Amino acid sequence: MKKPFLGELGHIAIRTNNTEKAMAYLKEKGIEFDESTAGRGPDGEIRVIYFARDIAGFRIHLAQKA
């Protein structure tokens, strides 16, 4: 990778049509998010955010489609 990212072995992006709706769904399933990694768009809504914990050495993040 060109610059360091979270995750011991790297990161995995999951693209979604609506990051905030995906977060709400995953929170219902017990997934926690690292709010300090939230990237927001001009409208103030979250566009990208990492899960709070690694899974098998990888950090997963949600990324909203453009």
N, C-alpha and C. Protein backbone atom coordinates (compact mmCIF):
# COMPACT_ATOMS: atom_id res chain seq x y z
N MET A 1 0.83 -1.18 0.00
CA MET A 1 0.00 0.00 0.00
C MET A 1 0.88 1.25 0.00
N LYS A 2 0.38 2.29 -0.60
CA LYS A 2 1.16 3.51 -0.71
C LYS A 2 1.25 4.28 0.60
N LYS A 3 0.22 4.15 1.44
CA LYS A 3 0.28 4.80 2.75
C LYS A 3 -0.33 3.86 3.77
N PRO A 4 0.04 4.01 5.03
CA PRO A 4 -0.45 3.07 6.04
C PRO A 4 -1.95 3.22 6.28
N PHE A 5 -2.61 2.09 6.43
CA PHE A 5 -4.02 2.06 6.76
C PHE A 5 -4.19 1.23 8.02
N LEU A 6 -5.38 1.18 8.53
CA LEU A 6 -5.66 0.36 9.69
C LEU A 6 -5.67 -1.11 9.30
N GLY A 7 -5.43 -1.96 10.25
CA GLY A 7 -5.43 -3.41 10.01
C GLY A 7 -4.02 -3.95 9.93
N GLU A 8 -3.76 -5.00 10.68
CA GLU A 8 -2.42 -5.61 10.70
C GLU A 8 -2.02 -6.11 9.31
N LEU A 9 -2.96 -6.72 8.59
CA LEU A 9 -2.66 -7.29 7.28
C LEU A 9 -3.19 -6.45 6.13
N GLY A 10 -3.91 -5.40 6.44
CA GLY A 10 -4.48 -4.54 5.40
C GLY A 10 -5.92 -4.21 5.72
N HIS A 11 -6.62 -3.75 4.70
CA HIS A 11 -8.01 -3.39 4.91
C HIS A 11 -8.86 -3.89 3.75
N ILE A 12 -10.15 -4.01 4.02
CA ILE A 12 -11.12 -4.45 3.02
C ILE A 12 -12.24 -3.42 2.99
N ALA A 13 -12.55 -2.94 1.79
CA ALA A 13 -13.63 -1.96 1.63
C ALA A 13 -14.90 -2.66 1.19
N ILE A 14 -16.01 -2.26 1.78
CA ILE A 14 -17.33 -2.71 1.36
C ILE A 14 -18.05 -1.47 0.84
N ARG A 15 -18.34 -1.46 -0.46
CA ARG A 15 -19.04 -0.31 -1.03
C ARG A 15 -20.54 -0.46 -0.84
N THR A 16 -21.18 0.64 -0.55
CA THR A 16 -22.61 0.64 -0.27
C THR A 16 -23.27 1.86 -0.90
N ASN A 17 -24.55 1.76 -1.19
CA ASN A 17 -25.28 2.90 -1.74
C ASN A 17 -25.52 3.98 -0.69
N ASN A 18 -25.63 3.56 0.57
CA ASN A 18 -25.89 4.52 1.64
C ASN A 18 -25.17 4.04 2.90
N THR A 19 -24.09 4.68 3.22
CA THR A 19 -23.26 4.28 4.35
C THR A 19 -24.03 4.35 5.67
N GLU A 20 -24.79 5.39 5.87
CA GLU A 20 -25.51 5.55 7.14
C GLU A 20 -26.56 4.45 7.34
N LYS A 21 -27.26 4.05 6.28
CA LYS A 21 -28.23 2.96 6.39
C LYS A 21 -27.52 1.64 6.64
N ALA A 22 -26.39 1.43 5.97
CA ALA A 22 -25.60 0.20 6.18
C ALA A 22 -25.10 0.14 7.62
N MET A 23 -24.66 1.26 8.15
CA MET A 23 -24.20 1.31 9.54
C MET A 23 -25.33 0.95 10.49
N ALA A 24 -26.52 1.49 10.26
CA ALA A 24 -27.66 1.20 11.14
C ALA A 24 -27.97 -0.30 11.12
N TYR A 25 -27.96 -0.90 9.94
CA TYR A 25 -28.22 -2.33 9.82
C TYR A 25 -27.16 -3.13 10.57
N LEU A 26 -25.89 -2.80 10.36
CA LEU A 26 -24.80 -3.56 10.99
C LEU A 26 -24.77 -3.35 12.51
N LYS A 27 -25.12 -2.16 12.96
CA LYS A 27 -25.19 -1.92 14.41
C LYS A 27 -26.23 -2.82 15.06
N GLU A 28 -27.35 -3.05 14.36
CA GLU A 28 -28.38 -3.97 14.88
C GLU A 28 -27.82 -5.39 15.02
N LYS A 29 -26.81 -5.72 14.21
CA LYS A 29 -26.20 -7.05 14.24
C LYS A 29 -25.01 -7.12 15.20
N GLY A 30 -24.72 -6.01 15.90
CA GLY A 30 -23.66 -6.01 16.90
C GLY A 30 -22.32 -5.47 16.43
N ILE A 31 -22.24 -4.95 15.21
CA ILE A 31 -20.98 -4.38 14.71
C ILE A 31 -20.82 -2.98 15.30
N GLU A 32 -19.61 -2.70 15.77
CA GLU A 32 -19.29 -1.37 16.30
C GLU A 32 -18.37 -0.67 15.30
N PHE A 33 -18.43 0.65 15.29
CA PHE A 33 -17.64 1.45 14.36
C PHE A 33 -16.70 2.37 15.11
N ASP A 34 -15.57 2.68 14.48
CA ASP A 34 -14.58 3.60 15.02
C ASP A 34 -14.92 4.99 14.50
N GLU A 35 -15.67 5.75 15.30
CA GLU A 35 -16.16 7.07 14.88
C GLU A 35 -15.02 8.03 14.53
N SER A 36 -13.82 7.80 15.07
CA SER A 36 -12.70 8.70 14.76
C SER A 36 -12.23 8.56 13.32
N THR A 37 -12.67 7.50 12.62
CA THR A 37 -12.25 7.29 11.23
C THR A 37 -13.30 7.77 10.23
N ALA A 38 -14.41 8.32 10.72
CA ALA A 38 -15.50 8.73 9.83
C ALA A 38 -15.07 9.86 8.92
N GLY A 39 -15.32 9.67 7.64
CA GLY A 39 -15.11 10.73 6.65
C GLY A 39 -16.48 11.20 6.18
N ARG A 40 -16.69 12.49 6.18
CA ARG A 40 -18.01 13.03 5.87
C ARG A 40 -17.99 13.79 4.55
N GLY A 41 -19.14 13.76 3.89
CA GLY A 41 -19.31 14.51 2.65
C GLY A 41 -19.70 15.95 2.95
N PRO A 42 -19.87 16.76 1.90
CA PRO A 42 -20.24 18.16 2.09
C PRO A 42 -21.58 18.34 2.80
N ASP A 43 -22.44 17.31 2.72
CA ASP A 43 -23.75 17.38 3.37
C ASP A 43 -23.68 16.96 4.84
N GLY A 44 -22.49 16.54 5.31
CA GLY A 44 -22.30 16.15 6.70
C GLY A 44 -22.55 14.68 6.98
N GLU A 45 -23.05 13.94 5.99
CA GLU A 45 -23.30 12.51 6.18
C GLU A 45 -22.02 11.72 6.05
N ILE A 46 -21.95 10.61 6.77
CA ILE A 46 -20.76 9.75 6.74
C ILE A 46 -20.65 9.08 5.38
N ARG A 47 -19.48 9.17 4.76
CA ARG A 47 -19.21 8.55 3.46
C ARG A 47 -18.29 7.34 3.58
N VAL A 48 -17.46 7.33 4.62
CA VAL A 48 -16.54 6.22 4.85
C VAL A 48 -16.32 6.08 6.35
N ILE A 49 -16.24 4.83 6.83
CA ILE A 49 -16.00 4.59 8.25
C ILE A 49 -15.48 3.16 8.43
N TYR A 50 -14.55 2.99 9.34
CA TYR A 50 -13.98 1.67 9.65
C TYR A 50 -14.74 1.01 10.78
N PHE A 51 -14.78 -0.33 10.74
CA PHE A 51 -15.27 -1.10 11.88
C PHE A 51 -14.32 -0.85 13.04
N ALA A 52 -14.78 -1.06 14.25
CA ALA A 52 -13.98 -0.80 15.45
C ALA A 52 -12.87 -1.83 15.65
N ARG A 53 -13.08 -3.05 15.14
CA ARG A 53 -12.10 -4.11 15.38
C ARG A 53 -11.68 -4.80 14.08
N ASP A 54 -10.47 -5.34 14.10
CA ASP A 54 -9.98 -6.15 12.99
C ASP A 54 -10.70 -7.49 12.97
N ILE A 55 -10.80 -8.08 11.80
CA ILE A 55 -11.30 -9.44 11.64
C ILE A 55 -10.22 -10.20 10.89
N ALA A 56 -9.63 -11.19 11.55
CA ALA A 56 -8.55 -12.01 10.97
C ALA A 56 -7.40 -11.15 10.47
N GLY A 57 -7.12 -10.06 11.19
CA GLY A 57 -5.99 -9.20 10.84
C GLY A 57 -6.31 -8.10 9.85
N PHE A 58 -7.54 -8.07 9.34
CA PHE A 58 -7.93 -7.04 8.39
C PHE A 58 -8.92 -6.09 9.03
N ARG A 59 -8.78 -4.81 8.71
CA ARG A 59 -9.74 -3.82 9.17
C ARG A 59 -10.70 -3.56 8.00
N ILE A 60 -11.98 -3.63 8.28
CA ILE A 60 -13.00 -3.47 7.26
C ILE A 60 -13.60 -2.08 7.36
N HIS A 61 -13.86 -1.48 6.21
CA HIS A 61 -14.54 -0.20 6.24
C HIS A 61 -15.64 -0.13 5.19
N LEU A 62 -16.64 0.67 5.50
CA LEU A 62 -17.71 0.95 4.56
C LEU A 62 -17.34 2.17 3.76
N ALA A 63 -17.64 2.15 2.47
CA ALA A 63 -17.36 3.29 1.60
C ALA A 63 -18.58 3.50 0.71
N GLN A 64 -19.11 4.70 0.73
CA GLN A 64 -20.29 5.00 -0.08
C GLN A 64 -19.91 5.18 -1.53
N LYS A 65 -20.73 4.58 -2.41
CA LYS A 65 -20.54 4.77 -3.86
C LYS A 65 -20.79 6.22 -4.20
N ALA A 66 -20.07 6.70 -5.17
CA ALA A 66 -20.21 8.11 -5.57
C ALA A 66 -21.52 8.40 -6.24
